[in-house]
Amino acid sequence: MLVVQLVGSAAALLMGQLLQKRYGIPAVLGLLLLGIGIEARSTKCAGVGAALLMLAVAAPQT
């Protein structure tokens, strides 16, 4: 059980770093809000996170 949690945490950190490097802070914030919203079963929080993540990914890169 501990190994699964450790691997999951490492994967989440890697995903966060990849998003931050490629899409910036708004994408990481969107992913965080989406995850919190899903865990808390809050549709508002998950919706805001999904919208923020979508906008960060769809925005033109400078």
PDB file of N, CA and C in Angstrom:
ATOM      1  N   MET A   1       0.826  -1.190   0.000  1.00  0.00           N
ATOM      2  CA  MET A   1       0.000   0.000   0.000  1.00  0.00           C
ATOM      3  C   MET A   1       0.873   1.257   0.000  1.00  0.00           C
ATOM      4  N   LEU A   2       1.935   1.251   0.772  1.00  0.00           N
ATOM      5  CA  LEU A   2       2.827   2.404   0.853  1.00  0.00           C
ATOM      6  C   LEU A   2       3.535   2.641  -0.473  1.00  0.00           C
ATOM      7  N   VAL A   3       3.899   1.568  -1.158  1.00  0.00           N
ATOM      8  CA  VAL A   3       4.574   1.698  -2.446  1.00  0.00           C
ATOM      9  C   VAL A   3       3.636   2.333  -3.469  1.00  0.00           C
ATOM     10  N   VAL A   4       2.372   1.957  -3.458  1.00  0.00           N
ATOM     11  CA  VAL A   4       1.392   2.521  -4.393  1.00  0.00           C
ATOM     12  C   VAL A   4       1.226   4.018  -4.141  1.00  0.00           C
ATOM     13  N   GLN A   5       1.155   4.422  -2.881  1.00  0.00           N
ATOM     14  CA  GLN A   5       1.042   5.837  -2.548  1.00  0.00           C
ATOM     15  C   GLN A   5       2.294   6.601  -2.963  1.00  0.00           C
ATOM     16  N   LEU A   6       3.451   6.017  -2.780  1.00  0.00           N
ATOM     17  CA  LEU A   6       4.706   6.654  -3.155  1.00  0.00           C
ATOM     18  C   LEU A   6       4.801   6.832  -4.663  1.00  0.00           C
ATOM     19  N   VAL A   7       4.432   5.823  -5.418  1.00  0.00           N
ATOM     20  CA  VAL A   7       4.457   5.913  -6.877  1.00  0.00           C
ATOM     21  C   VAL A   7       3.426   6.931  -7.361  1.00  0.00           C
ATOM     22  N   GLY A   8       2.264   6.948  -6.749  1.00  0.00           N
ATOM     23  CA  GLY A   8       1.237   7.920  -7.116  1.00  0.00           C
ATOM     24  C   GLY A   8       1.678   9.344  -6.843  1.00  0.00           C
ATOM     25  N   SER A   9       2.312   9.559  -5.724  1.00  0.00           N
ATOM     26  CA  SER A   9       2.811  10.894  -5.392  1.00  0.00           C
ATOM     27  C   SER A   9       3.913  11.327  -6.350  1.00  0.00           C
ATOM     28  N   ALA A  10       4.791  10.423  -6.688  1.00  0.00           N
ATOM     29  CA  ALA A  10       5.862  10.748  -7.632  1.00  0.00           C
ATOM     30  C   ALA A  10       5.289  11.074  -9.009  1.00  0.00           C
ATOM     31  N   ALA A  11       4.275  10.337  -9.428  1.00  0.00           N
ATOM     32  CA  ALA A  11       3.644  10.603 -10.726  1.00  0.00           C
ATOM     33  C   ALA A  11       2.937  11.956 -10.712  1.00  0.00           C
ATOM     34  N   ALA A  12       2.292  12.290  -9.611  1.00  0.00           N
ATOM     35  CA  ALA A  12       1.610  13.580  -9.507  1.00  0.00           C
ATOM     36  C   ALA A  12       2.613  14.730  -9.538  1.00  0.00           C
ATOM     37  N   LEU A  13       3.726  14.588  -8.847  1.00  0.00           N
ATOM     38  CA  LEU A  13       4.753  15.629  -8.869  1.00  0.00           C
ATOM     39  C   LEU A  13       5.358  15.785 -10.261  1.00  0.00           C
ATOM     40  N   LEU A  14       5.596  14.672 -10.930  1.00  0.00           N
ATOM     41  CA  LEU A  14       6.140  14.722 -12.290  1.00  0.00           C
ATOM     42  C   LEU A  14       5.156  15.394 -13.239  1.00  0.00           C
ATOM     43  N   MET A  15       3.880  15.061 -13.112  1.00  0.00           N
ATOM     44  CA  MET A  15       2.856  15.674 -13.968  1.00  0.00           C
ATOM     45  C   MET A  15       2.759  17.172 -13.700  1.00  0.00           C
ATOM     46  N   GLY A  16       2.821  17.568 -12.442  1.00  0.00           N
ATOM     47  CA  GLY A  16       2.785  18.980 -12.084  1.00  0.00           C
ATOM     48  C   GLY A  16       3.968  19.748 -12.653  1.00  0.00           C
ATOM     49  N   GLN A  17       5.156  19.166 -12.572  1.00  0.00           N
ATOM     50  CA  GLN A  17       6.345  19.817 -13.118  1.00  0.00           C
ATOM     51  C   GLN A  17       6.270  19.934 -14.636  1.00  0.00           C
ATOM     52  N   LEU A  18       5.780  18.890 -15.296  1.00  0.00           N
ATOM     53  CA  LEU A  18       5.638  18.925 -16.749  1.00  0.00           C
ATOM     54  C   LEU A  18       4.636  19.994 -17.174  1.00  0.00           C
ATOM     55  N   LEU A  19       3.506  20.061 -16.480  1.00  0.00           N
ATOM     56  CA  LEU A  19       2.507  21.083 -16.804  1.00  0.00           C
ATOM     57  C   LEU A  19       3.048  22.481 -16.554  1.00  0.00           C
ATOM     58  N   GLN A  20       3.750  22.661 -15.455  1.00  0.00           N
ATOM     59  CA  GLN A  20       4.275  23.981 -15.121  1.00  0.00           C
ATOM     60  C   GLN A  20       5.315  24.419 -16.153  1.00  0.00           C
ATOM     61  N   LYS A  21       6.137  23.506 -16.593  1.00  0.00           N
ATOM     62  CA  LYS A  21       7.172  23.853 -17.562  1.00  0.00           C
ATOM     63  C   LYS A  21       6.566  24.179 -18.924  1.00  0.00           C
ATOM     64  N   ARG A  22       5.556  23.433 -19.315  1.00  0.00           N
ATOM     65  CA  ARG A  22       4.999  23.611 -20.655  1.00  0.00           C
ATOM     66  C   ARG A  22       3.880  24.643 -20.706  1.00  0.00           C
ATOM     67  N   TYR A  23       2.996  24.673 -19.717  1.00  0.00           N
ATOM     68  CA  TYR A  23       1.811  25.518 -19.781  1.00  0.00           C
ATOM     69  C   TYR A  23       1.765  26.611 -18.720  1.00  0.00           C
ATOM     70  N   GLY A  24       2.609  26.543 -17.725  1.00  0.00           N
ATOM     71  CA  GLY A  24       2.673  27.593 -16.721  1.00  0.00           C
ATOM     72  C   GLY A  24       1.867  27.294 -15.472  1.00  0.00           C
ATOM     73  N   ILE A  25       1.864  28.276 -14.596  1.00  0.00           N
ATOM     74  CA  ILE A  25       1.199  28.155 -13.295  1.00  0.00           C
ATOM     75  C   ILE A  25      -0.319  27.955 -13.407  1.00  0.00           C
ATOM     76  N   PRO A  26      -1.023  28.632 -14.342  1.00  0.00           N
ATOM     77  CA  PRO A  26      -2.485  28.425 -14.419  1.00  0.00           C
ATOM     78  C   PRO A  26      -2.874  26.969 -14.675  1.00  0.00           C
ATOM     79  N   ALA A  27      -2.078  26.240 -15.438  1.00  0.00           N
ATOM     80  CA  ALA A  27      -2.391  24.836 -15.692  1.00  0.00           C
ATOM     81  C   ALA A  27      -2.232  24.001 -14.426  1.00  0.00           C
ATOM     82  N   VAL A  28      -1.211  24.282 -13.650  1.00  0.00           N
ATOM     83  CA  VAL A  28      -1.008  23.551 -12.394  1.00  0.00           C
ATOM     84  C   VAL A  28      -2.129  23.871 -11.415  1.00  0.00           C
ATOM     85  N   LEU A  29      -2.520  25.139 -11.346  1.00  0.00           N
ATOM     86  CA  LEU A  29      -3.624  25.530 -10.474  1.00  0.00           C
ATOM     87  C   LEU A  29      -4.921  24.866 -10.923  1.00  0.00           C
ATOM     88  N   GLY A  30      -5.152  24.803 -12.224  1.00  0.00           N
ATOM     89  CA  GLY A  30      -6.345  24.135 -12.750  1.00  0.00           C
ATOM     90  C   GLY A  30      -6.362  22.659 -12.409  1.00  0.00           C
ATOM     91  N   LEU A  31      -5.224  22.004 -12.552  1.00  0.00           N
ATOM     92  CA  LEU A  31      -5.138  20.586 -12.210  1.00  0.00           C
ATOM     93  C   LEU A  31      -5.366  20.359 -10.725  1.00  0.00           C
ATOM     94  N   LEU A  32      -4.829  21.250  -9.902  1.00  0.00           N
ATOM     95  CA  LEU A  32      -5.027  21.156  -8.455  1.00  0.00           C
ATOM     96  C   LEU A  32      -6.499  21.328  -8.093  1.00  0.00           C
ATOM     97  N   LEU A  33      -7.145  22.346  -8.657  1.00  0.00           N
ATOM     98  CA  LEU A  33      -8.566  22.573  -8.381  1.00  0.00           C
ATOM     99  C   LEU A  33      -9.425  21.416  -8.885  1.00  0.00           C
ATOM    100  N   LEU A  34      -9.078  20.880 -10.037  1.00  0.00           N
ATOM    101  CA  LEU A  34      -9.828  19.746 -10.572  1.00  0.00           C
ATOM    102  C   LEU A  34      -9.719  18.537  -9.646  1.00  0.00           C
ATOM    103  N   GLY A  35      -8.510  18.256  -9.180  1.00  0.00           N
ATOM    104  CA  GLY A  35      -8.319  17.128  -8.263  1.00  0.00           C
ATOM    105  C   GLY A  35      -9.028  17.313  -6.940  1.00  0.00           C
ATOM    106  N   ILE A  36      -8.964  18.518  -6.396  1.00  0.00           N
ATOM    107  CA  ILE A  36      -9.650  18.796  -5.134  1.00  0.00           C
ATOM    108  C   ILE A  36     -11.157  18.694  -5.317  1.00  0.00           C
ATOM    109  N   GLY A  37     -11.657  19.216  -6.440  1.00  0.00           N
ATOM    110  CA  GLY A  37     -13.091  19.164  -6.702  1.00  0.00           C
ATOM    111  C   GLY A  37     -13.609  17.752  -6.852  1.00  0.00           C
ATOM    112  N   ILE A  38     -12.818  16.901  -7.493  1.00  0.00           N
ATOM    113  CA  ILE A  38     -13.235  15.512  -7.655  1.00  0.00           C
ATOM    114  C   ILE A  38     -13.230  14.793  -6.315  1.00  0.00           C
ATOM    115  N   GLU A  39     -12.181  15.013  -5.516  1.00  0.00           N
ATOM    116  CA  GLU A  39     -12.104  14.365  -4.201  1.00  0.00           C
ATOM    117  C   GLU A  39     -13.221  14.827  -3.267  1.00  0.00           C
ATOM    118  N   ALA A  40     -13.538  16.122  -3.311  1.00  0.00           N
ATOM    119  CA  ALA A  40     -14.554  16.677  -2.417  1.00  0.00           C
ATOM    120  C   ALA A  40     -15.962  16.559  -2.995  1.00  0.00           C
ATOM    121  N   ARG A  41     -16.069  16.018  -4.194  1.00  0.00           N
ATOM    122  CA  ARG A  41     -17.341  15.904  -4.906  1.00  0.00           C
ATOM    123  C   ARG A  41     -18.010  17.267  -5.051  1.00  0.00           C
ATOM    124  N   SER A  42     -17.188  18.271  -5.335  1.00  0.00           N
ATOM    125  CA  SER A  42     -17.654  19.634  -5.541  1.00  0.00           C
ATOM    126  C   SER A  42     -17.620  19.930  -7.037  1.00  0.00           C
ATOM    127  N   THR A  43     -18.801  20.043  -7.634  1.00  0.00           N
ATOM    128  CA  THR A  43     -18.853  20.285  -9.073  1.00  0.00           C
ATOM    129  C   THR A  43     -18.360  21.683  -9.425  1.00  0.00           C
ATOM    130  N   LYS A  44     -18.572  22.648  -8.538  1.00  0.00           N
ATOM    131  CA  LYS A  44     -18.096  24.006  -8.814  1.00  0.00           C
ATOM    132  C   LYS A  44     -16.575  24.049  -8.858  1.00  0.00           C
ATOM    133  N   CYS A  45     -15.939  23.472  -7.885  1.00  0.00           N
ATOM    134  CA  CYS A  45     -14.483  23.469  -7.820  1.00  0.00           C
ATOM    135  C   CYS A  45     -13.894  22.681  -8.993  1.00  0.00           C
ATOM    136  N   ALA A  46     -14.472  21.530  -9.294  1.00  0.00           N
ATOM    137  CA  ALA A  46     -13.987  20.726 -10.411  1.00  0.00           C
ATOM    138  C   ALA A  46     -14.224  21.436 -11.737  1.00  0.00           C
ATOM    139  N   GLY A  47     -15.338  22.113 -11.868  1.00  0.00           N
ATOM    140  CA  GLY A  47     -15.629  22.839 -13.099  1.00  0.00           C
ATOM    141  C   GLY A  47     -14.684  24.005 -13.324  1.00  0.00           C
ATOM    142  N   VAL A  48     -14.403  24.754 -12.257  1.00  0.00           N
ATOM    143  CA  VAL A  48     -13.462  25.871 -12.364  1.00  0.00           C
ATOM    144  C   VAL A  48     -12.073  25.345 -12.707  1.00  0.00           C
ATOM    145  N   GLY A  49     -11.670  24.266 -12.077  1.00  0.00           N
ATOM    146  CA  GLY A  49     -10.364  23.680 -12.368  1.00  0.00           C
ATOM    147  C   GLY A  49     -10.268  23.176 -13.796  1.00  0.00           C
ATOM    148  N   ALA A  50     -11.327  22.517 -14.273  1.00  0.00           N
ATOM    149  CA  ALA A  50     -11.322  22.017 -15.645  1.00  0.00           C
ATOM    150  C   ALA A  50     -11.285  23.167 -16.647  1.00  0.00           C
ATOM    151  N   ALA A  51     -12.050  24.218 -16.379  1.00  0.00           N
ATOM    152  CA  ALA A  51     -12.057  25.374 -17.281  1.00  0.00           C
ATOM    153  C   ALA A  51     -10.689  26.060 -17.298  1.00  0.00           C
ATOM    154  N   LEU A  52     -10.087  26.227 -16.147  1.00  0.00           N
ATOM    155  CA  LEU A  52      -8.776  26.858 -16.066  1.00  0.00           C
ATOM    156  C   LEU A  52      -7.715  26.017 -16.777  1.00  0.00           C
ATOM    157  N   LEU A  53      -7.783  24.715 -16.592  1.00  0.00           N
ATOM    158  CA  LEU A  53      -6.845  23.821 -17.264  1.00  0.00           C
ATOM    159  C   LEU A  53      -7.047  23.868 -18.776  1.00  0.00           C
ATOM    160  N   MET A  54      -8.297  23.892 -19.211  1.00  0.00           N
ATOM    161  CA  MET A  54      -8.591  23.952 -20.640  1.00  0.00           C
ATOM    162  C   MET A  54      -8.106  25.269 -21.251  1.00  0.00           C
ATOM    163  N   LEU A  55      -8.328  26.373 -20.551  1.00  0.00           N
ATOM    164  CA  LEU A  55      -7.868  27.660 -21.058  1.00  0.00           C
ATOM    165  C   LEU A  55      -6.346  27.737 -21.122  1.00  0.00           C
ATOM    166  N   ALA A  56      -5.685  27.166 -20.141  1.00  0.00           N
ATOM    167  CA  ALA A  56      -4.224  27.186 -20.134  1.00  0.00           C
ATOM    168  C   ALA A  56      -3.647  26.361 -21.283  1.00  0.00           C
ATOM    169  N   VAL A  57      -4.274  25.257 -21.588  1.00  0.00           N
ATOM    170  CA  VAL A  57      -3.785  24.391 -22.652  1.00  0.00           C
ATOM    171  C   VAL A  57      -4.135  24.964 -24.020  1.00  0.00           C
ATOM    172  N   ALA A  58      -5.311  25.592 -24.157  1.00  0.00           N
ATOM    173  CA  ALA A  58      -5.762  26.110 -25.449  1.00  0.00           C
ATOM    174  C   ALA A  58      -5.187  27.476 -25.773  1.00  0.00           C
ATOM    175  N   ALA A  59      -4.628  28.175 -24.796  1.00  0.00           N
ATOM    176  CA  ALA A  59      -4.097  29.513 -25.035  1.00  0.00           C
ATOM    177  C   ALA A  59      -2.869  29.442 -25.934  1.00  0.00           C
ATOM    178  N   PRO A  60      -2.707  30.426 -26.804  1.00  0.00           N
ATOM    179  CA  PRO A  60      -1.512  30.424 -27.651  1.00  0.00           C
ATOM    180  C   PRO A  60      -0.249  30.596 -26.820  1.00  0.00           C
ATOM    181  N   GLN A  61       0.767  29.853 -27.161  1.00  0.00           N
ATOM    182  CA  GLN A  61       2.026  29.901 -26.426  1.00  0.00           C
ATOM    183  C   GLN A  61       2.883  31.069 -26.921  1.00  0.00           C
ATOM    184  N   THR A  62       3.464  31.802 -25.993  1.00  0.00           N
ATOM    185  CA  THR A  62       4.323  32.925 -26.366  1.00  0.00           C
ATOM    186  C   THR A  62       5.775  32.591 -26.129  1.00  0.00           C
TER     187      THR A  62
END
